Amino acid sequence: MSNNRSGIFIGGLMLGTAIGTLVGLVVAPRTGRETRKLIKKSANAIPELAEDISTSVQIQADRLAHSTLQTWDQTVDRLQEAIAVGIEATQQENQNLHQQNTVNISSTTENSNPQTQQPEHS
């Protein structure tokens, strides 16, 4: 995220420099001819400046995309691990419930079997 901010800052700095140069040339106490020459030179530099800004923005976008993909991959990995742990816990709980039900059924069966019950003596 800070790489993206620095790229935006650099791009803004370069654009601000270009605008400031043009404003300074127009306001400067020079003759019209001198000012027009300087504006022409500055105008000739604008395509290079635009290309530099474009390159800087593209580099920052690539960094941001790479960082985003890395974060996404890490999130997916953590999610897959959490799902696997949840499935394992569910299976373990099902086994525990099955064992409890088996014990309950067999103890109920033993208590209801008349052969296993002892006669009461009065």
N, C-alpha and C. Protein backbone atom coordinates (compact mmCIF):
# COMPACT_ATOMS: atom_id res chain seq x y z
N MET A 1 0.82 -1.17 0.00
CA MET A 1 0.00 0.00 0.00
C MET A 1 0.87 1.24 0.00
N SER A 2 1.97 1.27 0.75
CA SER A 2 2.84 2.43 0.79
C SER A 2 3.54 2.62 -0.55
N ASN A 3 3.81 1.52 -1.28
CA ASN A 3 4.40 1.66 -2.62
C ASN A 3 3.45 2.39 -3.54
N ASN A 4 2.16 2.11 -3.43
CA ASN A 4 1.17 2.77 -4.25
C ASN A 4 1.12 4.25 -3.92
N ARG A 5 1.18 4.59 -2.64
CA ARG A 5 1.15 5.98 -2.24
C ARG A 5 2.39 6.73 -2.72
N SER A 6 3.54 6.07 -2.68
CA SER A 6 4.76 6.75 -3.14
C SER A 6 4.71 6.96 -4.64
N GLY A 7 4.13 6.03 -5.38
CA GLY A 7 3.99 6.20 -6.83
C GLY A 7 3.06 7.35 -7.16
N ILE A 8 1.96 7.45 -6.42
CA ILE A 8 1.04 8.56 -6.63
C ILE A 8 1.72 9.88 -6.27
N PHE A 9 2.49 9.85 -5.19
CA PHE A 9 3.20 11.06 -4.78
C PHE A 9 4.19 11.50 -5.86
N ILE A 10 4.96 10.56 -6.39
CA ILE A 10 5.95 10.89 -7.42
C ILE A 10 5.26 11.44 -8.66
N GLY A 11 4.17 10.77 -9.07
CA GLY A 11 3.43 11.25 -10.24
C GLY A 11 2.88 12.65 -10.02
N GLY A 12 2.32 12.88 -8.84
CA GLY A 12 1.80 14.22 -8.52
C GLY A 12 2.90 15.26 -8.47
N LEU A 13 4.04 14.86 -7.94
CA LEU A 13 5.18 15.77 -7.86
C LEU A 13 5.63 16.18 -9.27
N MET A 14 5.71 15.20 -10.16
CA MET A 14 6.15 15.50 -11.53
C MET A 14 5.13 16.38 -12.24
N LEU A 15 3.85 16.08 -12.08
CA LEU A 15 2.81 16.89 -12.71
C LEU A 15 2.80 18.30 -12.12
N GLY A 16 2.94 18.40 -10.82
CA GLY A 16 2.99 19.71 -10.17
C GLY A 16 4.19 20.52 -10.64
N THR A 17 5.30 19.86 -10.86
CA THR A 17 6.49 20.55 -11.35
C THR A 17 6.24 21.11 -12.74
N ALA A 18 5.61 20.31 -13.59
CA ALA A 18 5.33 20.78 -14.95
C ALA A 18 4.38 21.97 -14.94
N ILE A 19 3.31 21.86 -14.15
CA ILE A 19 2.35 22.96 -14.08
C ILE A 19 2.99 24.20 -13.48
N GLY A 20 3.78 24.00 -12.42
CA GLY A 20 4.47 25.13 -11.79
C GLY A 20 5.43 25.82 -12.75
N THR A 21 6.11 25.03 -13.56
CA THR A 21 7.04 25.61 -14.55
C THR A 21 6.28 26.47 -15.55
N LEU A 22 5.17 25.94 -16.04
CA LEU A 22 4.39 26.71 -17.02
C LEU A 22 3.85 28.00 -16.41
N VAL A 23 3.31 27.91 -15.21
CA VAL A 23 2.78 29.11 -14.55
C VAL A 23 3.91 30.10 -14.29
N GLY A 24 5.05 29.61 -13.86
CA GLY A 24 6.20 30.49 -13.61
C GLY A 24 6.67 31.19 -14.87
N LEU A 25 6.63 30.48 -15.97
CA LEU A 25 7.06 31.10 -17.23
C LEU A 25 6.10 32.19 -17.68
N VAL A 26 4.81 31.95 -17.49
CA VAL A 26 3.82 32.93 -17.91
C VAL A 26 3.88 34.17 -17.03
N VAL A 27 4.09 34.00 -15.75
CA VAL A 27 4.08 35.11 -14.80
C VAL A 27 5.44 35.82 -14.74
N ALA A 28 6.49 35.17 -15.17
CA ALA A 28 7.84 35.73 -15.06
C ALA A 28 7.97 37.04 -15.85
N PRO A 29 8.79 37.95 -15.34
CA PRO A 29 8.98 39.24 -16.02
C PRO A 29 9.96 39.13 -17.19
N ARG A 30 9.53 38.47 -18.25
CA ARG A 30 10.35 38.34 -19.45
C ARG A 30 9.57 38.94 -20.62
N THR A 31 10.28 39.09 -21.68
CA THR A 31 9.59 39.56 -22.89
C THR A 31 8.74 38.42 -23.43
N GLY A 32 7.78 38.75 -24.24
CA GLY A 32 6.89 37.76 -24.83
C GLY A 32 7.64 36.73 -25.64
N ARG A 33 8.64 37.18 -26.39
CA ARG A 33 9.41 36.26 -27.23
C ARG A 33 10.15 35.24 -26.36
N GLU A 34 10.82 35.71 -25.31
CA GLU A 34 11.55 34.80 -24.41
C GLU A 34 10.60 33.82 -23.73
N THR A 35 9.48 34.34 -23.29
CA THR A 35 8.50 33.49 -22.62
C THR A 35 7.98 32.42 -23.57
N ARG A 36 7.67 32.81 -24.82
CA ARG A 36 7.18 31.83 -25.80
C ARG A 36 8.22 30.75 -26.08
N LYS A 37 9.48 31.13 -26.14
CA LYS A 37 10.54 30.14 -26.35
C LYS A 37 10.58 29.14 -25.19
N LEU A 38 10.51 29.67 -23.97
CA LEU A 38 10.53 28.79 -22.79
C LEU A 38 9.30 27.89 -22.75
N ILE A 39 8.13 28.45 -23.12
CA ILE A 39 6.92 27.63 -23.14
C ILE A 39 7.05 26.53 -24.19
N LYS A 40 7.62 26.87 -25.33
CA LYS A 40 7.80 25.88 -26.39
C LYS A 40 8.73 24.76 -25.91
N LYS A 41 9.82 25.13 -25.24
CA LYS A 41 10.74 24.12 -24.71
C LYS A 41 10.02 23.24 -23.68
N SER A 42 9.25 23.90 -22.81
CA SER A 42 8.51 23.14 -21.79
C SER A 42 7.48 22.23 -22.44
N ALA A 43 6.81 22.73 -23.46
CA ALA A 43 5.80 21.93 -24.15
C ALA A 43 6.45 20.72 -24.82
N ASN A 44 7.65 20.90 -25.30
CA ASN A 44 8.37 19.78 -25.92
C ASN A 44 8.74 18.72 -24.87
N ALA A 45 8.88 19.14 -23.61
CA ALA A 45 9.25 18.20 -22.55
C ALA A 45 8.04 17.46 -21.98
N ILE A 46 6.83 17.94 -22.27
CA ILE A 46 5.62 17.33 -21.70
C ILE A 46 5.46 15.86 -22.12
N PRO A 47 5.68 15.50 -23.38
CA PRO A 47 5.54 14.07 -23.72
C PRO A 47 6.49 13.17 -22.92
N GLU A 48 7.71 13.64 -22.72
CA GLU A 48 8.66 12.86 -21.92
C GLU A 48 8.18 12.76 -20.47
N LEU A 49 7.66 13.87 -19.95
CA LEU A 49 7.14 13.89 -18.59
C LEU A 49 5.94 12.94 -18.47
N ALA A 50 5.07 12.98 -19.46
CA ALA A 50 3.90 12.10 -19.45
C ALA A 50 4.33 10.64 -19.52
N GLU A 51 5.35 10.35 -20.31
CA GLU A 51 5.86 8.99 -20.40
C GLU A 51 6.47 8.54 -19.08
N ASP A 52 7.20 9.43 -18.43
CA ASP A 52 7.78 9.11 -17.11
C ASP A 52 6.67 8.83 -16.08
N ILE A 53 5.65 9.66 -16.10
CA ILE A 53 4.53 9.46 -15.17
C ILE A 53 3.83 8.14 -15.46
N SER A 54 3.61 7.87 -16.73
CA SER A 54 2.95 6.62 -17.14
C SER A 54 3.76 5.41 -16.69
N THR A 55 5.05 5.47 -16.88
CA THR A 55 5.92 4.36 -16.48
C THR A 55 5.87 4.18 -14.96
N SER A 56 5.93 5.29 -14.24
CA SER A 56 5.88 5.22 -12.78
C SER A 56 4.56 4.63 -12.30
N VAL A 57 3.46 5.06 -12.89
CA VAL A 57 2.15 4.53 -12.51
C VAL A 57 2.05 3.05 -12.84
N GLN A 58 2.58 2.64 -13.99
CA GLN A 58 2.53 1.23 -14.38
C GLN A 58 3.35 0.36 -13.41
N ILE A 59 4.51 0.85 -13.03
CA ILE A 59 5.34 0.11 -12.07
C ILE A 59 4.60 -0.05 -10.74
N GLN A 60 3.99 1.04 -10.28
CA GLN A 60 3.25 0.98 -9.01
C GLN A 60 2.04 0.05 -9.13
N ALA A 61 1.36 0.08 -10.28
CA ALA A 61 0.21 -0.81 -10.48
C ALA A 61 0.66 -2.26 -10.48
N ASP A 62 1.79 -2.55 -11.10
CA ASP A 62 2.31 -3.92 -11.10
C ASP A 62 2.65 -4.38 -9.68
N ARG A 63 3.26 -3.51 -8.91
CA ARG A 63 3.58 -3.84 -7.51
C ARG A 63 2.31 -4.10 -6.70
N LEU A 64 1.33 -3.24 -6.90
CA LEU A 64 0.07 -3.39 -6.18
C LEU A 64 -0.62 -4.70 -6.59
N ALA A 65 -0.62 -5.01 -7.88
CA ALA A 65 -1.23 -6.25 -8.35
C ALA A 65 -0.52 -7.46 -7.75
N HIS A 66 0.80 -7.42 -7.73
CA HIS A 66 1.56 -8.54 -7.16
C HIS A 66 1.25 -8.69 -5.67
N SER A 67 1.23 -7.58 -4.97
CA SER A 67 0.93 -7.61 -3.54
C SER A 67 -0.48 -8.12 -3.28
N THR A 68 -1.43 -7.70 -4.09
CA THR A 68 -2.81 -8.14 -3.95
C THR A 68 -2.92 -9.64 -4.20
N LEU A 69 -2.27 -10.12 -5.23
CA LEU A 69 -2.31 -11.56 -5.52
C LEU A 69 -1.68 -12.37 -4.39
N GLN A 70 -0.60 -11.87 -3.84
CA GLN A 70 0.06 -12.55 -2.72
C GLN A 70 -0.88 -12.63 -1.52
N THR A 71 -1.52 -11.52 -1.21
CA THR A 71 -2.45 -11.47 -0.09
C THR A 71 -3.63 -12.40 -0.35
N TRP A 72 -4.14 -12.41 -1.57
CA TRP A 72 -5.25 -13.28 -1.93
C TRP A 72 -4.86 -14.75 -1.76
N ASP A 73 -3.69 -15.12 -2.25
CA ASP A 73 -3.23 -16.50 -2.13
C ASP A 73 -3.10 -16.91 -0.66
N GLN A 74 -2.58 -16.02 0.17
CA GLN A 74 -2.44 -16.31 1.59
C GLN A 74 -3.81 -16.48 2.24
N THR A 75 -4.76 -15.64 1.85
CA THR A 75 -6.11 -15.74 2.40
C THR A 75 -6.77 -17.04 2.00
N VAL A 76 -6.61 -17.44 0.74
CA VAL A 76 -7.19 -18.70 0.26
C VAL A 76 -6.56 -19.88 1.00
N ASP A 77 -5.26 -19.84 1.21
CA ASP A 77 -4.58 -20.92 1.94
C ASP A 77 -5.12 -21.02 3.37
N ARG A 78 -5.27 -19.89 4.04
CA ARG A 78 -5.80 -19.91 5.42
C ARG A 78 -7.23 -20.42 5.45
N LEU A 79 -8.01 -20.03 4.46
CA LEU A 79 -9.39 -20.49 4.38
C LEU A 79 -9.46 -22.00 4.15
N GLN A 80 -8.61 -22.52 3.28
CA GLN A 80 -8.58 -23.97 3.04
C GLN A 80 -8.17 -24.72 4.30
N GLU A 81 -7.21 -24.19 5.03
CA GLU A 81 -6.80 -24.82 6.29
C GLU A 81 -7.94 -24.81 7.30
N ALA A 82 -8.65 -23.69 7.38
CA ALA A 82 -9.76 -23.59 8.33
C ALA A 82 -10.88 -24.57 7.96
N ILE A 83 -11.15 -24.71 6.69
CA ILE A 83 -12.18 -25.66 6.24
C ILE A 83 -11.76 -27.09 6.58
N ALA A 84 -10.50 -27.41 6.33
CA ALA A 84 -10.01 -28.76 6.64
C ALA A 84 -10.11 -29.06 8.14
N VAL A 85 -9.76 -28.09 8.97
CA VAL A 85 -9.86 -28.27 10.42
C VAL A 85 -11.33 -28.43 10.82
N GLY A 86 -12.20 -27.66 10.21
CA GLY A 86 -13.63 -27.77 10.51
C GLY A 86 -14.19 -29.13 10.12
N ILE A 87 -13.79 -29.64 8.97
CA ILE A 87 -14.23 -30.96 8.53
C ILE A 87 -13.73 -32.04 9.49
N GLU A 88 -12.47 -31.92 9.86
CA GLU A 88 -11.89 -32.90 10.79
C GLU A 88 -12.62 -32.87 12.14
N ALA A 89 -12.91 -31.67 12.64
CA ALA A 89 -13.61 -31.56 13.92
C ALA A 89 -15.02 -32.12 13.82
N THR A 90 -15.69 -31.90 12.70
CA THR A 90 -17.03 -32.43 12.50
C THR A 90 -17.01 -33.95 12.46
N GLN A 91 -16.04 -34.51 11.76
CA GLN A 91 -15.93 -35.97 11.70
C GLN A 91 -15.65 -36.55 13.08
N GLN A 92 -14.78 -35.91 13.83
CA GLN A 92 -14.47 -36.37 15.19
C GLN A 92 -15.71 -36.31 16.07
N GLU A 93 -16.47 -35.23 15.96
CA GLU A 93 -17.69 -35.08 16.76
C GLU A 93 -18.71 -36.16 16.36
N ASN A 94 -18.83 -36.43 15.08
CA ASN A 94 -19.74 -37.49 14.62
C ASN A 94 -19.33 -38.85 15.18
N GLN A 95 -18.05 -39.12 15.21
CA GLN A 95 -17.56 -40.39 15.77
C GLN A 95 -17.88 -40.46 17.27
N ASN A 96 -17.67 -39.37 17.97
CA ASN A 96 -17.98 -39.34 19.41
C ASN A 96 -19.46 -39.58 19.64
N LEU A 97 -20.32 -38.93 18.86
CA LEU A 97 -21.76 -39.13 19.01
C LEU A 97 -22.15 -40.57 18.68
N HIS A 98 -21.55 -41.12 17.65
CA HIS A 98 -21.84 -42.50 17.27
C HIS A 98 -21.44 -43.46 18.39
N GLN A 99 -20.29 -43.23 18.99
CA GLN A 99 -19.83 -44.08 20.09
C GLN A 99 -20.77 -43.94 21.30
N GLN A 100 -21.21 -42.74 21.60
CA GLN A 100 -22.12 -42.53 22.73
C GLN A 100 -23.45 -43.23 22.46
N ASN A 101 -23.95 -43.11 21.24
CA ASN A 101 -25.21 -43.77 20.89
C ASN A 101 -25.07 -45.28 20.97
N THR A 102 -23.93 -45.82 20.54
CA THR A 102 -23.71 -47.26 20.59
C THR A 102 -23.68 -47.73 22.04
N VAL A 103 -23.01 -46.98 22.90
CA VAL A 103 -22.95 -47.32 24.32
C VAL A 103 -24.34 -47.23 24.93
N ASN A 104 -25.10 -46.20 24.64
CA ASN A 104 -26.45 -46.02 25.18
C ASN A 104 -27.39 -47.13 24.71
N ILE A 105 -27.29 -47.49 23.45
CA ILE A 105 -28.16 -48.54 22.91
C ILE A 105 -27.81 -49.87 23.56
N SER A 106 -26.53 -50.18 23.68
CA SER A 106 -26.16 -51.47 24.26
C SER A 106 -26.49 -51.51 25.75
N SER A 107 -26.36 -50.40 26.46
CA SER A 107 -26.71 -50.41 27.89
C SER A 107 -28.22 -50.51 28.05
N THR A 108 -28.99 -49.91 27.16
CA THR A 108 -30.45 -50.02 27.21
C THR A 108 -30.87 -51.43 26.89
N THR A 109 -30.21 -52.05 25.93
CA THR A 109 -30.53 -53.43 25.54
C THR A 109 -30.21 -54.38 26.68
N GLU A 110 -29.11 -54.18 27.35
CA GLU A 110 -28.73 -55.04 28.47
C GLU A 110 -29.72 -54.92 29.62
N ASN A 111 -30.19 -53.71 29.90
CA ASN A 111 -31.12 -53.50 31.01
C ASN A 111 -32.50 -54.05 30.70
N SER A 112 -32.88 -54.12 29.43
CA SER A 112 -34.21 -54.59 29.09
C SER A 112 -34.25 -56.09 28.82
N ASN A 113 -33.14 -56.75 28.75
CA ASN A 113 -33.08 -58.19 28.49
C ASN A 113 -33.45 -58.94 29.76
N PRO A 114 -34.55 -59.71 29.74
CA PRO A 114 -34.99 -60.39 30.95
C PRO A 114 -34.03 -61.46 31.41
N GLN A 115 -33.24 -61.98 30.56
CA GLN A 115 -32.31 -63.03 30.96
C GLN A 115 -31.17 -62.47 31.79
N THR A 116 -30.83 -61.24 31.56
CA THR A 116 -29.73 -60.67 32.30
C THR A 116 -30.20 -60.08 33.63
N GLN A 117 -31.51 -59.87 33.79
CA GLN A 117 -32.01 -59.31 35.03
C GLN A 117 -32.12 -60.42 36.07
N GLN A 118 -31.81 -60.11 37.25
CA GLN A 118 -31.90 -61.09 38.35
C GLN A 118 -33.27 -60.94 39.02
N PRO A 119 -33.82 -62.04 39.41
CA PRO A 119 -35.15 -61.97 40.05
C PRO A 119 -35.04 -61.27 41.40
N GLU A 120 -36.12 -60.62 41.72
CA GLU A 120 -36.15 -59.91 43.00
C GLU A 120 -36.56 -60.87 44.10
N HIS A 121 -35.90 -60.80 45.18
CA HIS A 121 -36.24 -61.64 46.34
C HIS A 121 -36.98 -60.80 47.34
N SER A 122 -38.12 -61.31 47.80
CA SER A 122 -38.89 -60.56 48.78
C SER A 122 -38.74 -61.14 50.14
